[in-house]
Amino acid sequence: MGDRAMAEIRTGGGSLYVYTHLGGSSLPDNAKRAVRAARSRWSDYPYATRIIVDQLTKDGRDQETGYGLMLQPSAEDEHNSDKPSVIINLVTRELTVIRGGTVNELISFQDLT
């Protein structure tokens, strides 16, 4: 059993996918907090990505399971038919929450502060 989901972090050069095994329902709120934490680095994609990943996976530090990182979306997402249910786009500075193939939220980073 789990609550599986993925977040896609889009940068100018590609995407990084963060998988959570148990935190899918809370991933949208966690992503919003992570984007806020990276605010001072939104224009610096490598640093912003690292801060966001760090925030999204902080509950799993030093644990063998619970979170994963991928360059291609190859994990389950129970909230969006195995496609990322949260998209953090550093280029457009937008966060999108998708549930069941439908965009539930499209939020500008500015609106998160």
N, C-alpha and C. Protein backbone atom coordinates (compact mmCIF):
# COMPACT_ATOMS: atom_id res chain seq x y z
N MET A 1 0.84 -1.18 0.00
CA MET A 1 0.00 0.00 0.00
C MET A 1 0.88 1.25 0.00
N GLY A 2 0.34 2.30 -0.51
CA GLY A 2 1.06 3.56 -0.53
C GLY A 2 0.15 4.67 -0.99
N ASP A 3 0.75 5.80 -1.15
CA ASP A 3 0.07 7.00 -1.66
C ASP A 3 1.05 7.62 -2.63
N ARG A 4 1.26 6.95 -3.75
CA ARG A 4 2.34 7.26 -4.67
C ARG A 4 2.02 8.46 -5.56
N ALA A 5 3.05 9.27 -5.79
CA ALA A 5 2.90 10.42 -6.69
C ALA A 5 4.27 10.89 -7.15
N MET A 6 4.25 11.68 -8.21
CA MET A 6 5.48 12.27 -8.74
C MET A 6 5.29 13.77 -8.92
N ALA A 7 6.40 14.48 -8.71
CA ALA A 7 6.48 15.89 -9.06
C ALA A 7 7.53 16.02 -10.15
N GLU A 8 7.23 16.80 -11.15
CA GLU A 8 8.18 17.10 -12.22
C GLU A 8 8.71 18.51 -11.99
N ILE A 9 10.02 18.66 -11.95
CA ILE A 9 10.65 19.97 -11.84
C ILE A 9 11.24 20.29 -13.21
N ARG A 10 10.66 21.27 -13.88
CA ARG A 10 11.10 21.64 -15.24
C ARG A 10 12.09 22.80 -15.17
N THR A 11 13.19 22.63 -15.89
CA THR A 11 14.19 23.69 -16.01
C THR A 11 14.39 23.97 -17.49
N GLY A 12 15.24 24.90 -17.81
CA GLY A 12 15.52 25.20 -19.21
C GLY A 12 16.15 24.04 -19.95
N GLY A 13 16.81 23.13 -19.24
CA GLY A 13 17.53 22.05 -19.90
C GLY A 13 16.89 20.68 -19.79
N GLY A 14 15.74 20.59 -19.18
CA GLY A 14 15.09 19.29 -19.01
C GLY A 14 14.31 19.24 -17.72
N SER A 15 14.00 18.02 -17.30
CA SER A 15 13.19 17.83 -16.09
C SER A 15 13.84 16.83 -15.15
N LEU A 16 13.53 16.99 -13.87
CA LEU A 16 13.88 16.03 -12.84
C LEU A 16 12.57 15.63 -12.17
N TYR A 17 12.40 14.34 -11.91
CA TYR A 17 11.17 13.83 -11.33
C TYR A 17 11.45 13.34 -9.91
N VAL A 18 10.59 13.75 -8.99
CA VAL A 18 10.69 13.34 -7.59
C VAL A 18 9.50 12.44 -7.30
N TYR A 19 9.78 11.25 -6.79
CA TYR A 19 8.76 10.26 -6.48
C TYR A 19 8.59 10.16 -4.97
N THR A 20 7.35 10.12 -4.52
CA THR A 20 7.07 9.84 -3.12
C THR A 20 6.18 8.61 -3.04
N HIS A 21 6.53 7.71 -2.16
CA HIS A 21 5.78 6.46 -2.02
C HIS A 21 4.57 6.63 -1.10
N LEU A 22 4.69 7.49 -0.11
CA LEU A 22 3.63 7.62 0.89
C LEU A 22 3.01 9.01 0.98
N GLY A 23 3.56 9.99 0.28
CA GLY A 23 3.11 11.36 0.46
C GLY A 23 2.37 11.98 -0.70
N GLY A 24 1.72 11.18 -1.52
CA GLY A 24 1.07 11.70 -2.71
C GLY A 24 -0.04 12.70 -2.43
N SER A 25 -0.83 12.46 -1.42
CA SER A 25 -1.94 13.37 -1.11
C SER A 25 -1.44 14.73 -0.63
N SER A 26 -0.30 14.74 0.04
CA SER A 26 0.24 16.00 0.56
C SER A 26 1.26 16.63 -0.39
N LEU A 27 1.55 15.98 -1.51
CA LEU A 27 2.56 16.50 -2.44
C LEU A 27 2.24 17.91 -2.94
N PRO A 28 1.00 18.25 -3.30
CA PRO A 28 0.75 19.63 -3.76
C PRO A 28 1.12 20.69 -2.71
N ASP A 29 0.72 20.48 -1.47
CA ASP A 29 1.05 21.44 -0.42
C ASP A 29 2.55 21.46 -0.13
N ASN A 30 3.17 20.28 -0.14
CA ASN A 30 4.62 20.22 0.07
C ASN A 30 5.36 20.93 -1.06
N ALA A 31 4.86 20.80 -2.29
CA ALA A 31 5.49 21.47 -3.43
C ALA A 31 5.38 22.99 -3.29
N LYS A 32 4.25 23.46 -2.84
CA LYS A 32 4.08 24.91 -2.63
C LYS A 32 5.08 25.42 -1.61
N ARG A 33 5.24 24.69 -0.51
CA ARG A 33 6.22 25.09 0.52
C ARG A 33 7.64 25.03 -0.04
N ALA A 34 7.92 24.02 -0.86
CA ALA A 34 9.26 23.88 -1.43
C ALA A 34 9.58 25.04 -2.38
N VAL A 35 8.62 25.43 -3.19
CA VAL A 35 8.82 26.56 -4.10
C VAL A 35 9.05 27.84 -3.30
N ARG A 36 8.29 28.03 -2.24
CA ARG A 36 8.50 29.21 -1.38
C ARG A 36 9.92 29.20 -0.80
N ALA A 37 10.38 28.04 -0.37
CA ALA A 37 11.71 27.93 0.24
C ALA A 37 12.81 28.28 -0.76
N ALA A 38 12.55 28.08 -2.05
CA ALA A 38 13.55 28.33 -3.10
C ALA A 38 13.44 29.73 -3.69
N ARG A 39 12.60 30.56 -3.12
CA ARG A 39 12.30 31.86 -3.73
C ARG A 39 13.55 32.67 -4.11
N SER A 40 14.52 32.73 -3.25
CA SER A 40 15.71 33.55 -3.55
C SER A 40 16.53 32.98 -4.71
N ARG A 41 16.22 31.77 -5.15
CA ARG A 41 16.97 31.12 -6.24
C ARG A 41 16.11 30.74 -7.43
N TRP A 42 14.91 31.28 -7.56
CA TRP A 42 14.04 30.92 -8.68
C TRP A 42 14.72 31.10 -10.03
N SER A 43 15.59 32.07 -10.16
CA SER A 43 16.26 32.32 -11.44
C SER A 43 17.51 31.47 -11.63
N ASP A 44 17.93 30.77 -10.62
CA ASP A 44 19.13 29.94 -10.65
C ASP A 44 18.68 28.47 -10.60
N TYR A 45 18.39 27.90 -11.76
CA TYR A 45 17.75 26.59 -11.82
C TYR A 45 18.45 25.49 -11.03
N PRO A 46 19.79 25.36 -11.10
CA PRO A 46 20.41 24.29 -10.32
C PRO A 46 20.18 24.44 -8.81
N TYR A 47 20.32 25.64 -8.29
CA TYR A 47 20.11 25.84 -6.86
C TYR A 47 18.63 25.69 -6.50
N ALA A 48 17.74 26.26 -7.31
CA ALA A 48 16.31 26.14 -7.03
C ALA A 48 15.89 24.67 -7.03
N THR A 49 16.38 23.91 -8.00
CA THR A 49 16.05 22.49 -8.07
C THR A 49 16.53 21.77 -6.82
N ARG A 50 17.75 22.04 -6.40
CA ARG A 50 18.29 21.38 -5.21
C ARG A 50 17.48 21.72 -3.97
N ILE A 51 17.10 22.97 -3.81
CA ILE A 51 16.31 23.38 -2.65
C ILE A 51 14.94 22.70 -2.68
N ILE A 52 14.31 22.67 -3.83
CA ILE A 52 12.99 22.05 -3.95
C ILE A 52 13.07 20.55 -3.65
N VAL A 53 14.05 19.87 -4.22
CA VAL A 53 14.21 18.44 -3.95
C VAL A 53 14.47 18.21 -2.48
N ASP A 54 15.33 19.01 -1.90
CA ASP A 54 15.65 18.88 -0.47
C ASP A 54 14.38 19.01 0.37
N GLN A 55 13.56 19.99 0.05
CA GLN A 55 12.32 20.20 0.80
C GLN A 55 11.33 19.06 0.59
N LEU A 56 11.20 18.58 -0.63
CA LEU A 56 10.23 17.52 -0.93
C LEU A 56 10.61 16.19 -0.30
N THR A 57 11.90 15.96 -0.10
CA THR A 57 12.35 14.65 0.40
C THR A 57 12.87 14.69 1.83
N LYS A 58 12.70 15.82 2.52
CA LYS A 58 13.33 15.97 3.84
C LYS A 58 12.86 14.93 4.85
N ASP A 59 11.63 14.43 4.73
CA ASP A 59 11.16 13.42 5.68
C ASP A 59 11.79 12.05 5.43
N GLY A 60 12.45 11.89 4.31
CA GLY A 60 13.05 10.61 3.99
C GLY A 60 14.57 10.58 4.07
N ARG A 61 15.15 11.65 4.60
CA ARG A 61 16.61 11.67 4.69
C ARG A 61 17.11 10.49 5.48
N ASP A 62 18.19 9.91 5.00
CA ASP A 62 18.83 8.76 5.64
C ASP A 62 17.95 7.52 5.67
N GLN A 63 16.88 7.50 4.89
CA GLN A 63 16.01 6.33 4.80
C GLN A 63 16.28 5.61 3.49
N GLU A 64 16.11 4.33 3.49
CA GLU A 64 16.37 3.52 2.30
C GLU A 64 15.23 3.62 1.29
N THR A 65 14.03 3.84 1.76
CA THR A 65 12.87 3.90 0.88
C THR A 65 12.05 5.15 1.17
N GLY A 66 11.05 5.39 0.35
CA GLY A 66 10.13 6.50 0.58
C GLY A 66 10.15 7.54 -0.53
N TYR A 67 11.33 7.81 -1.10
CA TYR A 67 11.47 8.83 -2.14
C TYR A 67 12.45 8.34 -3.20
N GLY A 68 12.30 8.88 -4.40
CA GLY A 68 13.22 8.56 -5.47
C GLY A 68 13.36 9.74 -6.41
N LEU A 69 14.44 9.75 -7.17
CA LEU A 69 14.69 10.78 -8.18
C LEU A 69 14.88 10.09 -9.53
N MET A 70 14.32 10.70 -10.56
CA MET A 70 14.38 10.10 -11.90
C MET A 70 14.60 11.18 -12.94
N LEU A 71 15.22 10.80 -14.04
CA LEU A 71 15.36 11.69 -15.19
C LEU A 71 14.24 11.45 -16.20
N GLN A 72 13.56 10.33 -16.08
CA GLN A 72 12.38 10.00 -16.88
C GLN A 72 11.30 9.54 -15.91
N PRO A 73 10.05 9.89 -16.15
CA PRO A 73 8.99 9.48 -15.21
C PRO A 73 8.69 7.99 -15.35
N SER A 74 9.25 7.21 -14.43
CA SER A 74 9.09 5.75 -14.52
C SER A 74 8.53 5.15 -13.24
N ALA A 75 7.79 5.94 -12.48
CA ALA A 75 7.19 5.45 -11.24
C ALA A 75 5.68 5.63 -11.32
N GLU A 76 5.01 5.14 -10.30
CA GLU A 76 3.56 5.25 -10.24
C GLU A 76 3.13 6.62 -9.71
N ASP A 77 2.00 7.08 -10.19
CA ASP A 77 1.34 8.26 -9.63
C ASP A 77 -0.15 7.94 -9.59
N GLU A 78 -0.63 7.62 -8.41
CA GLU A 78 -2.02 7.21 -8.24
C GLU A 78 -3.01 8.35 -8.44
N HIS A 79 -2.52 9.56 -8.47
CA HIS A 79 -3.39 10.73 -8.56
C HIS A 79 -3.57 11.24 -10.00
N ASN A 80 -2.75 10.73 -10.93
CA ASN A 80 -2.83 11.22 -12.31
C ASN A 80 -2.41 10.15 -13.32
N SER A 81 -2.93 8.96 -13.18
CA SER A 81 -2.71 7.88 -14.16
C SER A 81 -1.24 7.68 -14.50
N ASP A 82 -0.39 7.68 -13.47
CA ASP A 82 1.04 7.43 -13.61
C ASP A 82 1.80 8.49 -14.39
N LYS A 83 1.24 9.68 -14.49
CA LYS A 83 1.94 10.86 -14.99
C LYS A 83 2.12 11.80 -13.81
N PRO A 84 3.13 12.66 -13.82
CA PRO A 84 3.34 13.56 -12.68
C PRO A 84 2.08 14.37 -12.35
N SER A 85 1.69 14.35 -11.09
CA SER A 85 0.50 15.08 -10.67
C SER A 85 0.83 16.49 -10.17
N VAL A 86 2.11 16.79 -10.03
CA VAL A 86 2.55 18.14 -9.69
C VAL A 86 3.67 18.52 -10.65
N ILE A 87 3.53 19.68 -11.27
CA ILE A 87 4.58 20.18 -12.17
C ILE A 87 5.04 21.53 -11.62
N ILE A 88 6.33 21.59 -11.34
CA ILE A 88 6.97 22.82 -10.87
C ILE A 88 7.81 23.32 -12.03
N ASN A 89 7.34 24.36 -12.68
CA ASN A 89 8.02 24.86 -13.89
C ASN A 89 8.84 26.10 -13.51
N LEU A 90 10.15 25.92 -13.43
CA LEU A 90 11.03 27.03 -13.05
C LEU A 90 11.16 28.06 -14.17
N VAL A 91 10.91 27.66 -15.40
CA VAL A 91 11.03 28.57 -16.54
C VAL A 91 9.87 29.56 -16.55
N THR A 92 8.65 29.05 -16.42
CA THR A 92 7.47 29.91 -16.44
C THR A 92 7.07 30.39 -15.04
N ARG A 93 7.72 29.82 -14.03
CA ARG A 93 7.42 30.12 -12.62
C ARG A 93 5.96 29.85 -12.29
N GLU A 94 5.55 28.63 -12.65
CA GLU A 94 4.19 28.18 -12.36
C GLU A 94 4.21 26.80 -11.74
N LEU A 95 3.28 26.57 -10.84
CA LEU A 95 3.08 25.27 -10.22
C LEU A 95 1.70 24.77 -10.64
N THR A 96 1.66 23.56 -11.18
CA THR A 96 0.41 22.97 -11.65
C THR A 96 0.13 21.70 -10.86
N VAL A 97 -1.10 21.57 -10.38
CA VAL A 97 -1.56 20.37 -9.70
C VAL A 97 -2.60 19.72 -10.60
N ILE A 98 -2.34 18.45 -10.93
CA ILE A 98 -3.23 17.70 -11.83
C ILE A 98 -3.76 16.49 -11.07
N ARG A 99 -5.04 16.29 -11.12
CA ARG A 99 -5.67 15.13 -10.50
C ARG A 99 -6.58 14.48 -11.52
N GLY A 100 -6.34 13.20 -11.79
CA GLY A 100 -7.18 12.47 -12.73
C GLY A 100 -7.21 13.06 -14.12
N GLY A 101 -6.11 13.65 -14.55
CA GLY A 101 -6.01 14.22 -15.88
C GLY A 101 -6.55 15.63 -16.01
N THR A 102 -7.06 16.18 -14.90
CA THR A 102 -7.63 17.53 -14.91
C THR A 102 -6.76 18.48 -14.08
N VAL A 103 -6.47 19.64 -14.64
CA VAL A 103 -5.71 20.65 -13.89
C VAL A 103 -6.61 21.19 -12.78
N ASN A 104 -6.21 20.96 -11.54
CA ASN A 104 -6.97 21.46 -10.39
C ASN A 104 -6.49 22.84 -9.97
N GLU A 105 -5.20 23.08 -10.12
CA GLU A 105 -4.63 24.37 -9.74
C GLU A 105 -3.52 24.73 -10.72
N LEU A 106 -3.46 25.99 -11.08
CA LEU A 106 -2.35 26.55 -11.85
C LEU A 106 -1.99 27.84 -11.14
N ILE A 107 -0.85 27.84 -10.47
CA ILE A 107 -0.50 28.93 -9.57
C ILE A 107 0.83 29.55 -10.00
N SER A 108 0.85 30.85 -10.11
CA SER A 108 2.09 31.58 -10.34
C SER A 108 2.92 31.52 -9.05
N PHE A 109 4.23 31.39 -9.20
CA PHE A 109 5.10 31.39 -8.02
C PHE A 109 4.85 32.64 -7.17
N GLN A 110 4.63 33.77 -7.82
CA GLN A 110 4.41 35.03 -7.10
C GLN A 110 3.23 34.92 -6.16
N ASP A 111 2.22 34.16 -6.55
CA ASP A 111 1.03 34.00 -5.71
C ASP A 111 1.26 33.10 -4.51
N LEU A 112 2.39 32.43 -4.48
CA LEU A 112 2.72 31.53 -3.37
C LEU A 112 3.42 32.25 -2.23
N THR A 113 3.87 33.48 -2.47
CA THR A 113 4.64 34.18 -1.44
C THR A 113 3.76 34.94 -0.48
